[in-house]
Structures are given as structure tokens and as C-alpha cells.
Amino acid sequence: MLRPKIPTNPAPMGVTIPLPVEPNAVVQHAPAAAAAQTSAPVAAVSSRPVVQLTPGALVALVGGGTAVVLVVGTVLVSLLLAVAVTAASVAVCAVVLRSMLNGQHKHR
């Protein structure tokens, strides 16, 4: 009833075609002393873009962070309150059931 599907391989197994490899020669166009002098400024430049915060962007970032903290705090407090209300209602139900069962045993 259930038959596994065997995947078909589009490339034949066991036949490999070697790719032609061309040798790469290293050619230095500048002397070593000139390369040492030019390498210092290049290393100081970062390849990552620099993020500059303007005062407006900083205010927006602080406002957004404050909003996120307030929303997450509200959700967590709501969950804690829901757990507390549920626990209190279960405790009340347990007390009522216990008193009903104890009262039933005394009437017999």
C-alpha cells in the first residue's frame, strides 16, 4: 500500500569529469616598502557602513524601546493576573466542594 519513492539521480554515478585547472600566478606590482605604507590606511577603513544617529532618530529609538518594554510588561502582568485569578477560583471551588462533602457526611 505504501511504497517509498526512490529519488532519481539526474547525473550518472561513478562518472566524473575533471574540471580544467589553470595555475594562478601571484604578481606584485609595488615594492614591499610601498605596500607596507599603503596598508595602514586601508586597514583603518572599515568595510561596514557606519550608523550615525541624529537626535531625532535617537528620540525615536528611545521611544520605541520604551513602548516595547511597556507592551511586554503589560502582557506579562496580564498573564500573571490570569494565573492568579484561576488559582483563586480553583481554591474557592475546592473549599466549597470540601464543605459540601463534609456536610453530607455529617447528615447521615
C-alpha atoms as a PDB file:
ATOM      1  CA  MET A   1       0.000   0.000   0.000  1.00  0.00           C
ATOM      2  CA  LEU A   2       2.715   2.465   0.974  1.00  0.00           C
ATOM      3  CA  ARG A   3       5.608   2.405  -1.439  1.00  0.00           C
ATOM      4  CA  PRO A   4       8.636   4.615  -0.887  1.00  0.00           C
ATOM      5  CA  LYS A   5       9.551   6.873  -3.756  1.00  0.00           C
ATOM      6  CA  ILE A   6      13.149   6.427  -4.776  1.00  0.00           C
ATOM      7  CA  PRO A   7      14.646   9.696  -5.994  1.00  0.00           C
ATOM      8  CA  THR A   8      16.141   9.649  -9.445  1.00  0.00           C
ATOM      9  CA  ASN A   9      19.649  10.965  -9.871  1.00  0.00           C
ATOM     10  CA  PRO A  10      19.957  13.168 -12.969  1.00  0.00           C
ATOM     11  CA  ALA A  11      23.757  12.738 -13.083  1.00  0.00           C
ATOM     12  CA  PRO A  12      25.100   9.209 -13.578  1.00  0.00           C
ATOM     13  CA  MET A  13      27.004   7.766 -10.644  1.00  0.00           C
ATOM     14  CA  GLY A  14      30.659   6.904 -10.995  1.00  0.00           C
ATOM     15  CA  VAL A  15      31.374   9.175 -13.966  1.00  0.00           C
ATOM     16  CA  THR A  16      33.287  12.290 -13.017  1.00  0.00           C
ATOM     17  CA  ILE A  17      34.520  14.918 -15.410  1.00  0.00           C
ATOM     18  CA  PRO A  18      37.580  16.752 -14.104  1.00  0.00           C
ATOM     19  CA  LEU A  19      37.436  20.495 -14.465  1.00  0.00           C
ATOM     20  CA  PRO A  20      40.417  22.177 -16.095  1.00  0.00           C
ATOM     21  CA  VAL A  21      42.582  23.932 -13.517  1.00  0.00           C
ATOM     22  CA  GLU A  22      44.554  26.968 -14.601  1.00  0.00           C
ATOM     23  CA  PRO A  23      47.510  27.946 -12.431  1.00  0.00           C
ATOM     24  CA  ASN A  24      47.289  31.380 -10.870  1.00  0.00           C
ATOM     25  CA  ALA A  25      50.495  33.374 -10.684  1.00  0.00           C
ATOM     26  CA  VAL A  26      50.965  35.947  -7.935  1.00  0.00           C
ATOM     27  CA  VAL A  27      52.294  39.184  -9.376  1.00  0.00           C
ATOM     28  CA  GLN A  28      53.345  42.057  -7.138  1.00  0.00           C
ATOM     29  CA  HIS A  29      53.146  45.438  -8.802  1.00  0.00           C
ATOM     30  CA  ALA A  30      54.572  47.508  -5.923  1.00  0.00           C
ATOM     31  CA  PRO A  31      57.676  47.035  -3.787  1.00  0.00           C
ATOM     32  CA  ALA A  32      57.279  45.720  -0.245  1.00  0.00           C
ATOM     33  CA  ALA A  33      58.070  49.102   1.363  1.00  0.00           C
ATOM     34  CA  ALA A  34      55.325  50.865  -0.580  1.00  0.00           C
ATOM     35  CA  ALA A  35      52.858  48.084   0.231  1.00  0.00           C
ATOM     36  CA  ALA A  36      53.596  48.463   3.963  1.00  0.00           C
ATOM     37  CA  GLN A  37      52.942  52.205   3.810  1.00  0.00           C
ATOM     38  CA  THR A  38      49.635  51.881   1.954  1.00  0.00           C
ATOM     39  CA  SER A  39      48.343  49.007   4.092  1.00  0.00           C
ATOM     40  CA  ALA A  40      47.914  51.091   7.269  1.00  0.00           C
ATOM     41  CA  PRO A  41      45.204  53.478   5.954  1.00  0.00           C
ATOM     42  CA  VAL A  42      43.386  50.623   4.224  1.00  0.00           C
ATOM     43  CA  ALA A  43      43.232  48.619   7.474  1.00  0.00           C
ATOM     44  CA  ALA A  44      41.792  51.635   9.319  1.00  0.00           C
ATOM     45  CA  VAL A  45      38.852  51.906   6.905  1.00  0.00           C
ATOM     46  CA  SER A  46      36.018  49.618   7.904  1.00  0.00           C
ATOM     47  CA  SER A  47      34.064  47.747   5.268  1.00  0.00           C
ATOM     48  CA  ARG A  48      30.876  48.010   7.359  1.00  0.00           C
ATOM     49  CA  PRO A  49      28.686  51.084   6.986  1.00  0.00           C
ATOM     50  CA  VAL A  50      28.763  53.485   9.914  1.00  0.00           C
ATOM     51  CA  VAL A  51      25.395  54.181  11.545  1.00  0.00           C
ATOM     52  CA  GLN A  52      25.038  57.783  12.624  1.00  0.00           C
ATOM     53  CA  LEU A  53      22.201  58.593  14.989  1.00  0.00           C
ATOM     54  CA  THR A  54      20.652  62.013  14.723  1.00  0.00           C
ATOM     55  CA  PRO A  55      18.893  63.467  17.773  1.00  0.00           C
ATOM     56  CA  GLY A  56      15.505  62.738  16.182  1.00  0.00           C
ATOM     57  CA  ALA A  57      16.465  59.145  15.462  1.00  0.00           C
ATOM     58  CA  LEU A  58      17.755  58.752  18.999  1.00  0.00           C
ATOM     59  CA  VAL A  59      14.478  60.046  20.449  1.00  0.00           C
ATOM     60  CA  ALA A  60      12.540  57.694  18.172  1.00  0.00           C
ATOM     61  CA  LEU A  61      14.743  54.775  19.230  1.00  0.00           C
ATOM     62  CA  VAL A  62      14.260  55.527  22.930  1.00  0.00           C
ATOM     63  CA  GLY A  63      10.506  55.968  22.409  1.00  0.00           C
ATOM     64  CA  GLY A  64      10.261  52.689  20.514  1.00  0.00           C
ATOM     65  CA  GLY A  65      12.234  50.844  23.171  1.00  0.00           C
ATOM     66  CA  THR A  66      10.031  52.301  25.885  1.00  0.00           C
ATOM     67  CA  ALA A  67       6.911  51.236  24.005  1.00  0.00           C
ATOM     68  CA  VAL A  68       8.226  47.689  23.599  1.00  0.00           C
ATOM     69  CA  VAL A  69       9.076  47.450  27.307  1.00  0.00           C
ATOM     70  CA  LEU A  70       5.620  48.739  28.264  1.00  0.00           C
ATOM     71  CA  VAL A  71       3.809  46.330  25.939  1.00  0.00           C
ATOM     72  CA  VAL A  72       5.841  43.305  27.063  1.00  0.00           C
ATOM     73  CA  GLY A  73       5.358  44.301  30.705  1.00  0.00           C
ATOM     74  CA  THR A  74       1.613  44.659  30.224  1.00  0.00           C
ATOM     75  CA  VAL A  75       1.369  41.238  28.601  1.00  0.00           C
ATOM     76  CA  LEU A  76       3.389  39.592  31.363  1.00  0.00           C
ATOM     77  CA  VAL A  77       1.367  41.261  34.128  1.00  0.00           C
ATOM     78  CA  SER A  78      -1.861  40.214  32.381  1.00  0.00           C
ATOM     79  CA  LEU A  79      -0.674  36.602  32.206  1.00  0.00           C
ATOM     80  CA  LEU A  80       0.314  36.672  35.872  1.00  0.00           C
ATOM     81  CA  LEU A  81      -3.066  38.138  36.799  1.00  0.00           C
ATOM     82  CA  ALA A  82      -4.862  35.453  34.776  1.00  0.00           C
ATOM     83  CA  VAL A  83      -2.916  32.722  36.588  1.00  0.00           C
ATOM     84  CA  ALA A  84      -3.683  34.309  39.962  1.00  0.00           C
ATOM     85  CA  VAL A  85      -7.411  34.606  39.217  1.00  0.00           C
ATOM     86  CA  THR A  86      -7.528  31.000  38.007  1.00  0.00           C
ATOM     87  CA  ALA A  87      -5.715  29.761  41.114  1.00  0.00           C
ATOM     88  CA  ALA A  88      -8.055  31.711  43.380  1.00  0.00           C
ATOM     89  CA  SER A  89     -11.153  30.354  41.660  1.00  0.00           C
ATOM     90  CA  VAL A  90      -9.851  26.781  41.868  1.00  0.00           C
ATOM     91  CA  ALA A  91      -9.135  27.301  45.565  1.00  0.00           C
ATOM     92  CA  VAL A  92     -12.654  28.622  46.171  1.00  0.00           C
ATOM     93  CA  CYS A  93     -14.142  25.674  44.297  1.00  0.00           C
ATOM     94  CA  ALA A  94     -12.050  23.265  46.373  1.00  0.00           C
ATOM     95  CA  VAL A  95     -13.222  24.868  49.629  1.00  0.00           C
ATOM     96  CA  VAL A  96     -16.878  24.750  48.540  1.00  0.00           C
ATOM     97  CA  LEU A  97     -16.640  21.125  47.450  1.00  0.00           C
ATOM     98  CA  ARG A  98     -14.881  20.161  50.671  1.00  0.00           C
ATOM     99  CA  SER A  99     -17.503  21.852  52.796  1.00  0.00           C
ATOM    100  CA  MET A 100     -20.305  20.206  50.789  1.00  0.00           C
ATOM    101  CA  LEU A 101     -18.751  16.772  51.155  1.00  0.00           C
ATOM    102  CA  ASN A 102     -18.100  17.262  54.882  1.00  0.00           C
ATOM    103  CA  GLY A 103     -21.668  18.479  55.402  1.00  0.00           C
ATOM    104  CA  GLN A 104     -23.003  15.480  53.520  1.00  0.00           C
ATOM    105  CA  HIS A 105     -21.091  13.043  55.754  1.00  0.00           C
ATOM    106  CA  LYS A 106     -22.445  14.709  58.932  1.00  0.00           C
ATOM    107  CA  HIS A 107     -26.108  14.451  57.841  1.00  0.00           C
ATOM    108  CA  ARG A 108     -26.028  10.657  57.548  1.00  0.00           C
END
